């Protein structure tokens, strides 16, 4: 049984390797099959499906660079990276990293961070459905020792800080039609995306807010997250920041903090 399973796994690995556009000579286990005309048809169908999926999953990038550029870049990416999940909506998780090292994108340094926001939208969209923080629990944040409490990020919450690029402004203006136009101040920006109801929403988020959420994600207490935010920006308004995050649906619940 193990031999059969191992042989099947080897065959599947070889088959997948032969499907890649940059595969070169097919592995011996699949060489005869790969020489058949039907295999090339299947290979082209897989490649086109991957390119179509990337174009759909990164609509802001597609709008910024145009169909021809996007499909050419997607073809290069798909040539070495096949889907690892049956749901193509999840394809292209590391496309932003690819763009960062893709030479034709060198003159557009904001593209990787904009792509990360497209990815944040997808991840927020397909995240597990769970209840948001019950406002009745907010009283726990007052009159309690904040080193004993932890805010748990909502399953759909995604955030990203771009230290050098106005990625959020570029992304938000191109993600939705009819948004604000005009000059862009060229400085770092952050964004928070959540799905508090049935659709994804987004808003700007400063560096301290992103650091606060990072600490919460890494199981830090509210006190730890607050201190990290102040270390990031000594002028951060913690009360206003936490209120903004709560209103955005960034958290699912409050837990008692257990130091590991």
Protein backbone atom coordinates (compact mmCIF):
# COMPACT_ATOMS: atom_id res chain seq x y z
CA UNK A 1 0.00 0.00 0.00
CA UNK A 2 2.80 2.41 0.89
CA UNK A 3 4.60 1.58 -2.37
CA UNK A 4 1.48 2.34 -4.37
CA UNK A 5 0.91 5.57 -2.48
CA UNK A 6 4.53 6.58 -2.96
CA UNK A 7 4.40 5.79 -6.68
CA UNK A 8 1.22 7.84 -7.08
CA UNK A 9 2.75 10.76 -5.22
CA UNK A 10 5.86 10.61 -7.41
CA UNK A 11 3.71 10.52 -10.53
CA UNK A 12 1.67 13.49 -9.35
CA UNK A 13 4.80 15.49 -8.55
CA UNK A 14 6.25 14.72 -11.98
CA UNK A 15 2.98 15.58 -13.69
CA UNK A 16 2.80 18.94 -11.90
CA UNK A 17 6.44 19.68 -12.71
CA UNK A 18 5.83 19.00 -16.40
CA UNK A 19 2.90 21.43 -16.42
CA UNK A 20 5.09 24.39 -15.51
CA UNK A 21 6.02 26.55 -18.47
CA UNK A 22 9.64 26.73 -17.30
CA UNK A 23 9.88 22.99 -16.71
CA UNK A 24 12.29 22.20 -19.56
CA UNK A 25 12.57 18.48 -20.24
CA UNK A 26 9.79 16.55 -18.44
CA UNK A 27 10.77 14.12 -15.67
CA UNK A 28 11.32 10.54 -16.92
CA UNK A 29 8.21 9.30 -15.12
CA UNK A 30 6.03 11.55 -17.25
CA UNK A 31 8.09 11.90 -20.43
CA UNK A 32 5.96 9.63 -22.63
CA UNK A 33 2.74 11.28 -21.53
CA UNK A 34 4.17 14.78 -21.95
CA UNK A 35 5.00 14.05 -25.59
CA UNK A 36 1.36 13.49 -26.47
CA UNK A 37 -0.35 16.44 -28.23
CA UNK A 38 -3.18 16.44 -25.71
CA UNK A 39 -0.75 17.14 -22.87
CA UNK A 40 0.33 20.43 -24.45
CA UNK A 41 -3.32 21.43 -24.81
CA UNK A 42 -3.87 20.64 -21.13
CA UNK A 43 -0.69 22.50 -20.18
CA UNK A 44 -1.83 25.60 -22.07
CA UNK A 45 -5.26 25.39 -20.44
CA UNK A 46 -3.69 25.27 -16.98
CA UNK A 47 -1.43 28.22 -17.81
CA UNK A 48 -4.32 30.30 -19.09
CA UNK A 49 -6.40 29.47 -16.01
CA UNK A 50 -3.56 30.62 -13.76
CA UNK A 51 -3.11 33.86 -15.70
CA UNK A 52 -6.86 34.53 -15.64
CA UNK A 53 -6.93 33.87 -11.89
CA UNK A 54 -4.07 36.26 -11.17
CA UNK A 55 -5.68 38.94 -13.30
CA UNK A 56 -8.92 38.51 -11.35
CA UNK A 57 -7.22 38.29 -7.94
CA UNK A 58 -5.17 41.45 -8.46
CA UNK A 59 -7.61 43.87 -10.12
CA UNK A 60 -5.87 46.99 -8.82
CA UNK A 61 -2.55 45.91 -10.29
CA UNK A 62 -4.31 45.08 -13.55
CA UNK A 63 -5.90 48.53 -13.68
CA UNK A 64 -2.58 50.25 -12.99
CA UNK A 65 -0.49 48.40 -15.57
CA UNK A 66 -3.08 47.30 -18.16
CA UNK A 67 -4.13 43.89 -19.45
CA UNK A 68 -1.12 43.23 -21.67
CA UNK A 69 1.50 43.97 -19.00
CA UNK A 70 -0.44 42.12 -16.33
CA UNK A 71 -0.96 38.99 -18.38
CA UNK A 72 2.71 38.95 -19.41
CA UNK A 73 3.81 39.22 -15.77
CA UNK A 74 1.24 36.62 -14.73
CA UNK A 75 2.55 34.22 -17.38
CA UNK A 76 6.06 34.50 -15.95
CA UNK A 77 4.76 33.92 -12.43
CA UNK A 78 2.53 31.02 -13.45
CA UNK A 79 5.41 29.47 -15.36
CA UNK A 80 7.08 28.53 -12.09
CA UNK A 81 4.21 28.58 -9.59
CA UNK A 82 1.19 26.31 -9.85
CA UNK A 83 -1.87 26.55 -7.57
CA UNK A 84 -1.55 24.58 -4.36
CA UNK A 85 -5.27 24.76 -3.57
CA UNK A 86 -8.28 23.89 -5.73
CA UNK A 87 -9.82 27.32 -5.13
CA UNK A 88 -8.21 29.68 -7.64
CA UNK A 89 -9.43 32.67 -5.66
CA UNK A 90 -6.58 31.87 -3.29
CA UNK A 91 -3.95 31.62 -6.07
CA UNK A 92 -1.02 34.02 -6.10
CA UNK A 93 -0.35 34.43 -2.39
CA UNK A 94 3.25 35.53 -3.03
CA UNK A 95 2.61 37.56 -6.19
CA UNK A 96 3.63 40.74 -4.35
CA UNK A 97 7.04 39.21 -3.58
CA UNK A 98 7.32 38.20 -7.22
CA UNK A 99 6.66 41.79 -8.33
CA UNK A 100 9.33 43.07 -5.95
CA UNK A 101 11.95 41.08 -7.89
CA UNK A 102 10.35 41.35 -11.34
CA UNK A 103 12.66 43.57 -13.39
CA UNK A 104 9.95 45.17 -15.59
CA UNK A 105 8.28 46.41 -12.38
CA UNK A 106 11.41 48.19 -11.13
CA UNK A 107 10.15 51.57 -12.37
CA UNK A 108 6.90 51.10 -10.42
CA UNK A 109 8.18 50.59 -6.86
CA UNK A 110 4.70 50.89 -5.34
CA UNK A 111 3.34 47.83 -7.15
CA UNK A 112 4.37 45.19 -4.56
CA UNK A 113 2.69 47.06 -1.70
CA UNK A 114 -0.43 47.69 -3.78
CA UNK A 115 -0.47 43.98 -4.62
CA UNK A 116 -0.31 43.16 -0.92
CA UNK A 117 -3.46 45.18 -0.39
CA UNK A 118 -5.20 43.30 -3.19
CA UNK A 119 -4.15 40.12 -1.41
CA UNK A 120 -5.40 41.49 1.92
CA UNK A 121 -8.80 42.05 0.27
CA UNK A 122 -8.90 38.46 -0.99
CA UNK A 123 -7.90 37.03 2.38
CA UNK A 124 -10.47 39.17 4.18
CA UNK A 125 -13.11 38.09 1.66
CA UNK A 126 -12.50 34.34 2.05
CA UNK A 127 -11.73 34.35 5.79
CA UNK A 128 -13.81 32.25 8.14
CA UNK A 129 -17.01 33.86 9.34
CA UNK A 130 -17.01 34.68 13.03
CA UNK A 131 -18.77 37.10 15.33
CA UNK A 132 -17.17 40.43 16.04
CA UNK A 133 -16.35 41.77 19.47
CA UNK A 134 -19.48 42.22 21.54
CA UNK A 135 -19.70 45.85 22.58
CA UNK A 136 -20.81 44.68 25.99
CA UNK A 137 -17.30 43.31 26.48
CA UNK A 138 -15.70 46.70 25.99
CA UNK A 139 -16.26 47.48 29.65
CA UNK A 140 -13.52 45.00 30.40
CA UNK A 141 -11.05 47.50 28.95
CA UNK A 142 -11.92 50.07 31.59
CA UNK A 143 -11.26 49.45 35.23
CA UNK A 144 -9.13 46.39 34.43
CA UNK A 145 -5.43 45.74 34.32
CA UNK A 146 -4.65 45.78 30.62
CA UNK A 147 -1.70 43.44 31.12
CA UNK A 148 -4.27 40.77 31.98
CA UNK A 149 -6.34 41.15 28.80
CA UNK A 150 -5.73 40.42 25.15
CA UNK A 151 -7.62 41.65 22.08
CA UNK A 152 -7.91 38.85 19.51
CA UNK A 153 -7.87 40.02 15.87
CA UNK A 154 -10.93 39.08 13.82
CA UNK A 155 -10.43 36.25 11.33
CA UNK A 156 -11.04 38.65 8.44
CA UNK A 157 -8.82 41.48 9.69
CA UNK A 158 -5.84 42.23 7.47
CA UNK A 159 -3.48 45.17 7.70
CA UNK A 160 -0.35 46.32 5.93
CA UNK A 161 2.13 49.13 6.39
CA UNK A 162 4.08 50.50 3.43
CA UNK A 163 7.00 52.43 4.83
CA UNK A 164 7.98 54.35 1.72
CA UNK A 165 5.04 54.27 -0.71
CA UNK A 166 1.55 55.83 -0.56
CA UNK A 167 0.24 52.37 -1.32
CA UNK A 168 -3.13 52.78 0.38
CA UNK A 169 -4.01 55.95 -1.54
CA UNK A 170 -2.96 54.40 -4.85
CA UNK A 171 -4.79 51.17 -4.08
CA UNK A 172 -8.03 52.70 -2.79
CA UNK A 173 -8.28 55.13 -5.71
CA UNK A 174 -7.90 52.32 -8.22
CA UNK A 175 -9.77 49.57 -6.43
CA UNK A 176 -13.12 51.35 -6.56
CA UNK A 177 -14.32 53.41 -9.51
CA UNK A 178 -15.16 57.06 -9.04
CA UNK A 179 -12.96 57.65 -6.01
CA UNK A 180 -10.96 60.76 -5.23
CA UNK A 181 -8.40 62.07 -7.73
CA UNK A 182 -5.65 64.65 -7.42
CA UNK A 183 -2.07 64.86 -6.29
CA UNK A 184 -0.70 62.20 -3.94
CA UNK A 185 1.59 63.03 -1.03
CA UNK A 186 4.48 60.61 -1.36
CA UNK A 187 4.96 59.09 2.08
CA UNK A 188 4.42 55.79 3.85
CA UNK A 189 0.87 54.65 4.52
CA UNK A 190 -0.97 51.80 6.19
CA UNK A 191 -4.34 50.18 5.67
CA UNK A 192 -6.80 48.01 7.57
CA UNK A 193 -9.27 45.73 5.79
CA UNK A 194 -12.07 43.94 7.61
CA UNK A 195 -15.29 42.11 6.80
CA UNK A 196 -17.57 42.98 9.69
CA UNK A 197 -20.70 42.00 7.74
CA UNK A 198 -20.95 40.47 4.27
CA UNK A 199 -18.56 42.73 2.39
CA UNK A 200 -14.97 43.88 2.78
CA UNK A 201 -14.37 47.42 4.00
CA UNK A 202 -11.13 49.34 4.25
CA UNK A 203 -9.65 52.42 5.86
CA UNK A 204 -6.30 54.11 6.37
CA UNK A 205 -4.30 53.02 9.40
CA UNK A 206 -1.18 54.68 10.77
CA UNK A 207 2.04 52.92 11.71
CA UNK A 208 1.19 52.80 15.42
CA UNK A 209 -2.12 51.10 14.61
CA UNK A 210 -0.40 48.48 12.47
CA UNK A 211 2.14 47.82 15.23
CA UNK A 212 -0.67 47.52 17.79
CA UNK A 213 -2.39 44.88 15.64
CA UNK A 214 0.88 43.06 15.04
CA UNK A 215 1.35 42.72 18.78
CA UNK A 216 -2.24 41.52 19.26
CA UNK A 217 -1.74 38.95 16.49
CA UNK A 218 1.39 37.71 18.24
CA UNK A 219 -0.61 37.11 21.45
CA UNK A 220 0.56 40.21 23.29
CA UNK A 221 -1.57 41.76 26.01
CA UNK A 222 -3.40 45.06 25.52
CA UNK A 223 -0.70 46.71 27.63
CA UNK A 224 2.04 45.19 25.48
CA UNK A 225 0.30 46.33 22.28
CA UNK A 226 -0.20 49.84 23.66
CA UNK A 227 3.47 50.10 24.61
CA UNK A 228 4.54 48.84 21.19
CA UNK A 229 2.33 51.45 19.53
CA UNK A 230 3.86 54.22 21.67
CA UNK A 231 7.35 52.95 20.86
CA UNK A 232 6.42 53.26 17.19
CA UNK A 233 4.95 56.74 17.64
CA UNK A 234 5.32 58.55 20.93
CA UNK A 235 2.47 60.87 19.93
CA UNK A 236 0.00 58.08 19.18
CA UNK A 237 -3.50 58.68 20.57
CA UNK A 238 -4.14 55.23 22.02
CA UNK A 239 -7.75 55.84 22.99
CA UNK A 240 -8.71 57.11 19.56
CA UNK A 241 -6.74 54.34 17.84
CA UNK A 242 -8.41 51.54 19.82
CA UNK A 243 -11.82 53.07 19.21
CA UNK A 244 -11.12 53.19 15.47
CA UNK A 245 -10.03 49.56 15.45
CA UNK A 246 -13.08 48.47 17.41
CA UNK A 247 -15.45 50.38 15.13
CA UNK A 248 -13.80 48.78 12.10
CA UNK A 249 -14.46 45.30 13.44
CA UNK A 250 -10.77 44.46 13.83
CA UNK A 251 -11.31 42.19 16.85
CA UNK A 252 -13.38 39.11 17.55
CA UNK A 253 -13.16 38.90 21.34
CA UNK A 254 -11.30 39.78 24.51
CA UNK A 255 -9.39 37.02 26.28
CA UNK A 256 -7.65 36.84 29.61
CA UNK A 257 -3.95 37.09 28.85
CA UNK A 258 -1.77 34.13 29.67
CA UNK A 259 1.94 34.84 29.46
CA UNK A 260 3.82 31.99 27.80
